[in-house]
Protein backbone atom coordinates (compact mmCIF):
# COMPACT_ATOMS: atom_id res chain seq x y z
CA UNK A 1 -30.88 8.74 11.57
CA UNK A 2 -30.35 5.06 12.44
CA UNK A 3 -27.80 4.22 15.09
CA UNK A 4 -26.25 1.46 12.95
CA UNK A 5 -26.46 0.75 9.23
CA UNK A 6 -25.76 -2.93 8.53
CA UNK A 7 -24.42 -3.77 5.07
CA UNK A 8 -25.06 -7.31 3.78
CA UNK A 9 -23.22 -8.21 0.53
CA UNK A 10 -25.10 -10.97 -1.29
CA UNK A 11 -24.25 -13.33 -4.13
CA UNK A 12 -25.92 -16.71 -4.66
CA UNK A 13 -26.46 -17.53 -0.97
CA UNK A 14 -30.15 -18.48 -0.93
CA UNK A 15 -29.37 -21.53 1.22
CA UNK A 16 -28.00 -19.39 4.08
CA UNK A 17 -29.55 -15.96 3.53
CA UNK A 18 -32.78 -16.32 5.58
CA UNK A 19 -30.81 -17.35 8.69
CA UNK A 20 -28.55 -14.34 8.23
CA UNK A 21 -31.35 -11.81 7.72
CA UNK A 22 -33.50 -13.27 10.51
CA UNK A 23 -30.62 -12.83 12.95
CA UNK A 24 -30.37 -9.16 11.96
CA UNK A 25 -34.11 -8.66 12.17
CA UNK A 26 -34.10 -9.96 15.77
CA UNK A 27 -31.52 -7.41 16.96
CA UNK A 28 -32.15 -5.88 20.37
CA UNK A 29 -31.10 -2.55 18.86
CA UNK A 30 -34.20 -1.64 16.87
CA UNK A 31 -32.91 1.64 15.44
CA UNK A 32 -31.02 0.06 12.56
CA UNK A 33 -31.15 0.07 8.79
CA UNK A 34 -30.21 -2.99 6.79
CA UNK A 35 -28.71 -2.44 3.34
CA UNK A 36 -28.81 -5.64 1.31
CA UNK A 37 -26.60 -5.47 -1.79
CA UNK A 38 -27.38 -8.17 -4.36
CA UNK A 39 -24.42 -8.60 -6.71
CA UNK A 40 -26.32 -10.08 -9.65
CA UNK A 41 -27.30 -13.37 -8.00
CA UNK A 42 -28.48 -16.11 -10.36
CA UNK A 43 -30.30 -18.15 -7.68
CA UNK A 44 -33.35 -16.87 -5.78
CA UNK A 45 -31.36 -14.65 -3.38
CA UNK A 46 -32.93 -11.50 -4.85
CA UNK A 47 -36.45 -12.87 -4.22
CA UNK A 48 -35.50 -13.42 -0.58
CA UNK A 49 -34.06 -9.90 -0.36
CA UNK A 50 -37.26 -8.38 -1.76
CA UNK A 51 -39.43 -10.33 0.66
CA UNK A 52 -37.57 -8.91 3.67
CA UNK A 53 -37.70 -5.38 2.25
CA UNK A 54 -41.47 -5.73 1.74
CA UNK A 55 -42.08 -6.89 5.30
CA UNK A 56 -39.75 -4.56 7.24
CA UNK A 57 -39.17 -0.93 6.27
CA UNK A 58 -35.70 -1.01 7.90
CA UNK A 59 -34.56 -3.42 5.18
CA UNK A 60 -33.46 -1.77 1.92
CA UNK A 61 -31.76 -3.27 -1.10
CA UNK A 62 -29.62 -2.56 -4.13
CA UNK A 63 -29.43 -4.96 -7.06
CA UNK A 64 -26.76 -4.65 -9.74
CA UNK A 65 -24.75 -6.56 -12.29
CA UNK A 66 -22.10 -8.80 -10.80
CA UNK A 67 -19.10 -6.62 -10.00
CA UNK A 68 -17.54 -8.24 -6.94
CA UNK A 69 -17.42 -7.96 -3.18
CA UNK A 70 -15.49 -4.69 -3.00
CA UNK A 71 -17.95 -2.84 -5.22
CA UNK A 72 -20.89 -4.27 -3.25
CA UNK A 73 -19.42 -3.07 0.04
CA UNK A 74 -18.62 0.40 -1.30
CA UNK A 75 -22.13 0.78 -2.75
CA UNK A 76 -23.73 -0.33 0.51
CA UNK A 77 -21.58 1.91 2.69
CA UNK A 78 -22.24 4.90 0.44
CA UNK A 79 -25.97 4.37 0.96
CA UNK A 80 -25.68 4.14 4.76
CA UNK A 81 -27.38 6.85 6.86
CA UNK A 82 -26.53 5.43 10.27
CA UNK A 83 -24.16 6.86 12.84
CA UNK A 84 -22.11 3.65 12.60
CA UNK A 85 -21.74 0.99 9.91
CA UNK A 86 -21.67 -2.77 10.52
CA UNK A 87 -21.02 -5.67 8.15
CA UNK A 88 -22.70 -9.08 8.14
CA UNK A 89 -21.67 -11.58 5.46
CA UNK A 90 -24.72 -13.23 3.93
CA UNK A 91 -23.77 -16.81 4.86
CA UNK A 92 -23.11 -15.90 8.53
CA UNK A 93 -25.39 -14.84 11.37
CA UNK A 94 -25.19 -12.71 14.52
CA UNK A 95 -26.44 -12.87 18.11
CA UNK A 96 -29.35 -10.58 18.96
CA UNK A 97 -27.30 -8.34 21.30
CA UNK A 98 -24.46 -7.67 18.87
CA UNK A 99 -25.27 -4.20 17.59
CA UNK A 100 -26.86 -3.02 20.85
CA UNK A 101 -23.72 -3.89 22.80
CA UNK A 102 -21.27 -2.63 20.18
CA UNK A 103 -23.08 0.68 19.77
CA UNK A 104 -23.18 1.14 23.55
CA UNK A 105 -19.42 0.43 23.76
CA UNK A 106 -18.68 2.78 20.84
CA UNK A 107 -20.47 5.62 22.62
CA UNK A 108 -18.77 4.83 25.93
CA UNK A 109 -15.28 5.05 24.43
CA UNK A 110 -16.11 7.59 21.70
CA UNK A 111 -14.46 5.12 19.34
CA UNK A 112 -14.02 5.22 15.59
CA UNK A 113 -13.95 1.41 15.54
CA UNK A 114 -15.26 -1.23 17.98
CA UNK A 115 -14.43 -4.89 17.37
CA UNK A 116 -15.40 -8.08 19.20
CA UNK A 117 -14.54 -11.77 19.38
CA UNK A 118 -16.44 -14.29 17.24
CA UNK A 119 -17.33 -17.93 16.65
CA UNK A 120 -16.27 -20.15 13.78
CA UNK A 121 -18.98 -22.68 13.00
CA UNK A 122 -20.06 -25.39 10.60
CA UNK A 123 -23.24 -27.44 10.37
CA UNK A 124 -22.89 -31.19 10.83
CA UNK A 125 -25.91 -33.51 10.78
CA UNK A 126 -28.22 -30.55 11.23
CA UNK A 127 -26.36 -29.22 14.28
CA UNK A 128 -23.98 -26.29 14.58
CA UNK A 129 -20.48 -27.04 15.80
CA UNK A 130 -18.73 -23.86 16.86
CA UNK A 131 -15.44 -22.63 18.29
CA UNK A 132 -14.80 -19.39 20.18
CA UNK A 133 -12.11 -17.21 18.56
CA UNK A 134 -10.34 -14.40 20.38
CA UNK A 135 -9.78 -11.40 18.15
CA UNK A 136 -7.04 -10.22 20.53
CA UNK A 137 -4.17 -12.50 21.59
CA UNK A 138 -3.24 -10.49 24.71
CA UNK A 139 -6.02 -9.95 27.28
CA UNK A 140 -4.63 -6.58 28.37
CA UNK A 141 -5.70 -5.09 25.04
CA UNK A 142 -9.39 -5.71 25.66
CA UNK A 143 -11.86 -3.04 26.77
CA UNK A 144 -9.62 -0.01 26.50
CA UNK A 145 -9.07 2.62 23.79
CA UNK A 146 -5.98 2.14 21.61
CA UNK A 147 -5.02 5.34 19.87
CA UNK A 148 -3.47 5.93 16.48
CA UNK A 149 0.24 4.99 16.28
CA UNK A 150 0.13 3.78 19.91
CA UNK A 151 0.77 0.06 19.42
CA UNK A 152 1.78 -1.92 16.33
CA UNK A 153 0.61 -5.20 17.86
CA UNK A 154 -2.99 -4.48 16.89
CA UNK A 155 -2.08 -5.42 13.31
CA UNK A 156 -1.37 -8.96 14.49
CA UNK A 157 -4.84 -9.43 15.93
CA UNK A 158 -7.45 -11.37 13.93
CA UNK A 159 -7.71 -9.78 10.49
CA UNK A 160 -11.43 -9.44 9.82
CA UNK A 161 -13.91 -6.64 9.22
CA UNK A 162 -17.28 -8.08 10.20
CA UNK A 163 -16.91 -8.38 13.99
CA UNK A 164 -17.23 -4.64 14.55
CA UNK A 165 -18.85 -1.34 13.75
CA UNK A 166 -17.26 1.77 12.24
CA UNK A 167 -18.15 5.40 12.74
CA UNK A 168 -19.64 6.52 9.44
CA UNK A 169 -18.04 9.97 9.55
CA UNK A 170 -14.65 8.35 10.20
CA UNK A 171 -15.04 6.15 7.11
CA UNK A 172 -16.07 9.04 4.89
CA UNK A 173 -13.68 11.68 6.16
CA UNK A 174 -10.74 9.34 5.53
CA UNK A 175 -12.12 8.05 2.21
CA UNK A 176 -11.80 4.45 3.40
CA UNK A 177 -13.00 2.07 0.70
CA UNK A 178 -12.77 -1.55 -0.36
CA UNK A 179 -10.66 -2.49 -3.34
CA UNK A 180 -12.89 -3.06 -6.37
CA UNK A 181 -10.77 -5.41 -8.47
CA UNK A 182 -13.44 -7.44 -10.37
CA UNK A 183 -13.80 -11.03 -9.20
CA UNK A 184 -11.11 -10.69 -6.54
CA UNK A 185 -11.00 -12.12 -3.05
CA UNK A 186 -9.46 -10.89 0.22
CA UNK A 187 -10.84 -7.38 -0.29
CA UNK A 188 -11.49 -7.14 3.43
CA UNK A 189 -7.69 -7.04 3.97
CA UNK A 190 -7.39 -3.51 2.63
CA UNK A 191 -10.40 -2.28 4.58
CA UNK A 192 -8.95 -3.83 7.76
CA UNK A 193 -5.57 -2.16 7.27
CA UNK A 194 -7.05 1.26 6.54
CA UNK A 195 -9.42 1.25 9.51
CA UNK A 196 -6.93 -0.14 12.02
CA UNK A 197 -4.17 2.26 10.97
CA UNK A 198 -6.40 5.35 11.08
CA UNK A 199 -8.87 4.68 13.92
CA UNK A 200 -8.54 7.04 16.87
CA UNK A 201 -9.31 5.08 18.92
CA UNK A 202 -10.10 1.43 18.20
CA UNK A 203 -11.50 -0.72 21.04
CA UNK A 204 -11.68 -4.52 21.28
CA UNK A 205 -14.36 -6.09 23.50
CA UNK A 206 -13.95 -9.59 24.91
CA UNK A 207 -17.29 -11.06 23.96
CA UNK A 208 -18.34 -12.97 20.82
CA UNK A 209 -21.48 -12.17 18.84
CA UNK A 210 -20.64 -13.02 15.24
CA UNK A 211 -20.93 -16.58 13.82
CA UNK A 212 -18.53 -17.10 10.91
CA UNK A 213 -19.47 -19.99 8.63
CA UNK A 214 -16.78 -22.47 7.56
CA UNK A 215 -18.84 -24.87 5.42
CA UNK A 216 -20.03 -22.75 2.50
CA UNK A 217 -18.31 -24.36 -0.53
CA UNK A 218 -18.58 -21.08 -2.47
CA UNK A 219 -16.78 -19.04 0.18
CA UNK A 220 -13.34 -17.61 -0.63
CA UNK A 221 -11.95 -19.51 2.38
CA UNK A 222 -12.60 -22.71 0.40
CA UNK A 223 -11.29 -21.51 -2.96
CA UNK A 224 -7.98 -22.73 -4.41
CA UNK A 225 -8.18 -20.43 -7.41
CA UNK A 226 -7.69 -16.68 -7.78
CA UNK A 227 -3.95 -17.11 -7.49
CA UNK A 228 -2.81 -13.48 -7.43
CA UNK A 229 -5.79 -11.90 -5.63
CA UNK A 230 -3.79 -11.51 -2.43
CA UNK A 231 -1.03 -9.76 -4.40
CA UNK A 232 -3.58 -7.37 -5.91
CA UNK A 233 -4.95 -6.58 -2.45
CA UNK A 234 -1.53 -5.84 -0.99
CA UNK A 235 -0.74 -3.61 -3.97
CA UNK A 236 -3.92 -1.70 -3.09
CA UNK A 237 -2.83 -1.39 0.56
CA UNK A 238 0.63 -0.21 -0.50
CA UNK A 239 -0.94 2.52 -2.63
CA UNK A 240 -2.92 3.65 0.43
CA UNK A 241 0.27 3.69 2.54
CA UNK A 242 2.19 5.68 -0.07
CA UNK A 243 -0.57 8.31 -0.14
CA UNK A 244 -0.33 8.81 3.63
CA UNK A 245 3.20 9.74 4.81
CA UNK A 246 2.40 9.36 8.54
CA UNK A 247 0.99 5.88 7.96
CA UNK A 248 4.02 4.97 5.85
CA UNK A 249 6.42 6.21 8.51
CA UNK A 250 4.76 4.21 11.29
CA UNK A 251 3.40 1.12 9.58
CA UNK A 252 5.30 0.26 6.38
CA UNK A 253 7.40 -2.40 8.12
CA UNK A 254 4.30 -3.84 9.81
CA UNK A 255 2.59 -3.94 6.43
CA UNK A 256 5.46 -5.97 4.96
CA UNK A 257 5.28 -8.52 7.78
CA UNK A 258 1.51 -8.86 7.27
CA UNK A 259 2.13 -9.21 3.56
CA UNK A 260 4.64 -12.02 4.12
CA UNK A 261 2.31 -14.07 6.32
CA UNK A 262 -0.65 -13.61 4.00
CA UNK A 263 1.45 -14.55 0.98
CA UNK A 264 2.53 -17.73 2.80
CA UNK A 265 -1.13 -18.43 3.64
CA UNK A 266 -2.00 -18.02 -0.05
CA UNK A 267 0.90 -20.22 -1.16
CA UNK A 268 -0.36 -23.06 1.02
CA UNK A 269 -3.91 -22.78 -0.35
CA UNK A 270 -3.54 -22.39 -4.09
CA UNK A 271 -3.49 -25.36 -6.48
CA UNK A 272 -0.10 -27.03 -7.00
CA UNK A 273 0.21 -26.00 -10.65
CA UNK A 274 0.26 -22.32 -9.65
CA UNK A 275 2.66 -22.48 -6.73
CA UNK A 276 5.91 -21.80 -8.59
CA UNK A 277 4.54 -18.79 -10.50
CA UNK A 278 3.15 -17.41 -7.24
CA UNK A 279 6.50 -17.91 -5.46
CA UNK A 280 8.30 -16.13 -8.29
CA UNK A 281 6.11 -13.07 -7.85
CA UNK A 282 6.48 -13.41 -4.07
CA UNK A 283 10.28 -13.36 -4.45
CA UNK A 284 10.30 -10.44 -6.89
CA UNK A 285 8.19 -8.19 -4.62
CA UNK A 286 10.16 -8.90 -1.46
CA UNK A 287 13.50 -8.51 -3.20
CA UNK A 288 12.34 -5.05 -4.25
CA UNK A 289 11.46 -4.20 -0.65
CA UNK A 290 14.85 -5.46 0.56
CA UNK A 291 16.71 -3.52 -2.10
CA UNK A 292 14.84 -0.39 -0.98
CA UNK A 293 15.77 -1.13 2.66
CA UNK A 294 12.14 -1.25 3.72
CA UNK A 295 12.15 -4.59 5.54
CA UNK A 296 13.12 -5.06 9.18
CA UNK A 297 14.38 -8.61 9.86
CA UNK A 298 13.89 -8.20 13.60
CA UNK A 299 10.09 -8.16 13.21
CA UNK A 300 9.97 -11.90 12.42
CA UNK A 301 11.47 -14.94 14.12
CA UNK A 302 14.44 -16.72 12.57
CA UNK A 303 12.44 -19.62 11.08
CA UNK A 304 10.13 -17.32 9.12
CA UNK A 305 13.04 -15.15 8.04
CA UNK A 306 14.81 -18.25 6.82
CA UNK A 307 11.79 -19.19 4.68
CA UNK A 308 11.52 -15.69 3.26
CA UNK A 309 15.22 -15.54 2.32
CA UNK A 310 15.05 -18.97 0.67
CA UNK A 311 12.07 -17.82 -1.40
CA UNK A 312 13.86 -14.63 -2.43
CA UNK A 313 17.05 -16.49 -3.35
CA UNK A 314 15.48 -19.32 -5.38
CA UNK A 315 11.67 -19.73 -5.44
CA UNK A 316 11.82 -22.94 -7.51
CA UNK A 317 14.25 -24.57 -5.08
CA UNK A 318 12.06 -23.51 -2.16
CA UNK A 319 9.05 -25.17 -3.83
CA UNK A 320 11.01 -28.38 -4.37
CA UNK A 321 12.31 -28.46 -0.78
CA UNK A 322 8.88 -27.67 0.62
CA UNK A 323 7.22 -30.44 -1.38
CA UNK A 324 9.82 -32.96 -0.20
CA UNK A 325 9.32 -31.86 3.40
CA UNK A 326 5.53 -32.26 3.07
CA UNK A 327 5.94 -35.73 1.55
CA UNK A 328 8.25 -36.77 4.38
CA UNK A 329 5.68 -35.54 6.91
CA UNK A 330 2.98 -37.63 5.24
CA UNK A 331 5.24 -40.67 5.26
CA UNK A 332 5.96 -40.14 8.95
CA UNK A 333 2.24 -39.90 9.67
CA UNK A 334 1.62 -43.16 7.78
CA UNK A 335 4.42 -44.93 9.64
CA UNK A 336 3.08 -43.72 12.99
CA UNK A 337 -0.43 -44.84 12.06
CA UNK A 338 0.90 -48.24 10.94
CA UNK A 339 2.67 -48.64 14.30
CA UNK A 340 -0.51 -47.60 16.13
CA UNK A 341 -2.56 -50.23 14.26
CA UNK A 342 0.02 -52.91 15.01
CA UNK A 343 -0.09 -52.02 18.72
CA UNK A 344 -3.88 -52.22 18.74
CA UNK A 345 -3.85 -55.60 16.97
CA UNK A 346 -1.29 -56.90 19.46
CA UNK A 347 -3.65 -55.89 22.29
CA UNK A 348 -6.54 -57.72 20.61
CA UNK A 349 -4.37 -60.83 20.15
CA UNK A 350 -3.14 -60.68 23.74
CA UNK A 351 0.45 -59.94 22.93
């Protein structure tokens, strides 16, 4: 049995895939298996996958018709034979010590889930520009086990799935899966919520190993489409919560706060022509939660609560007011820049 099975979901990433797979191949932890899941790529990604499988027996692959990220992850995890499962997105790469250090920490703490910090990076003029990102916003939560139902704050840490490893038995015993809505995005949200709410314990380590790409134009982080994908994902999470009474009792209110912030994130990203229809669904869902007395106003500050109540009362008016506010901000920026240029010209002219 491998110590860690690493699942790599792949779709049309031939430009970035060799860097990703090379970084996995160089891992200090040699007792790994790498499960490459090609989701019907139409570029030469599959050829690259086959070449790695032919050269290194630890590299295995599945190829299938395009069925989306969630299906790829579930297929890969089902194939895993390792004690733990890791995830590396095919346009990212990892430092050579990542899985050695995470596996060592997992054994030390006997953890269901171990997560680390990471880097955001983009390539400019052939050079990587990167920024260190803390997964945890309070240092006292690093390097110690956090047990189930012990602290709700962990849900407000960075919401990602690929910075850590997960005990395989924990995943299977709790039937933790990715949502498989075809063509959807944000399917890591549901996996994050399930693992964080059920891990016993989860541990966060204060070191970064994972390099998260920001400049892939095909990445979901750069997509303005798929308007209701976030709604579909939070419906999936709600179904999970409703099936688990203990989770619902402890985390339903936390779930609704996460849902609000991710809906606002989506609202800011989608194309303008879809914003009103999205806000109308936003308002409908949160009005239902309020009518069922599920929401706790005290879990958000007054400014966010004010936004939420305005959306629930009149989503079209909120859109109008928000657009006017954004236009005024742009005007203010232009006025400030005009004043800056005038000051600079005055300096040049000796005034």
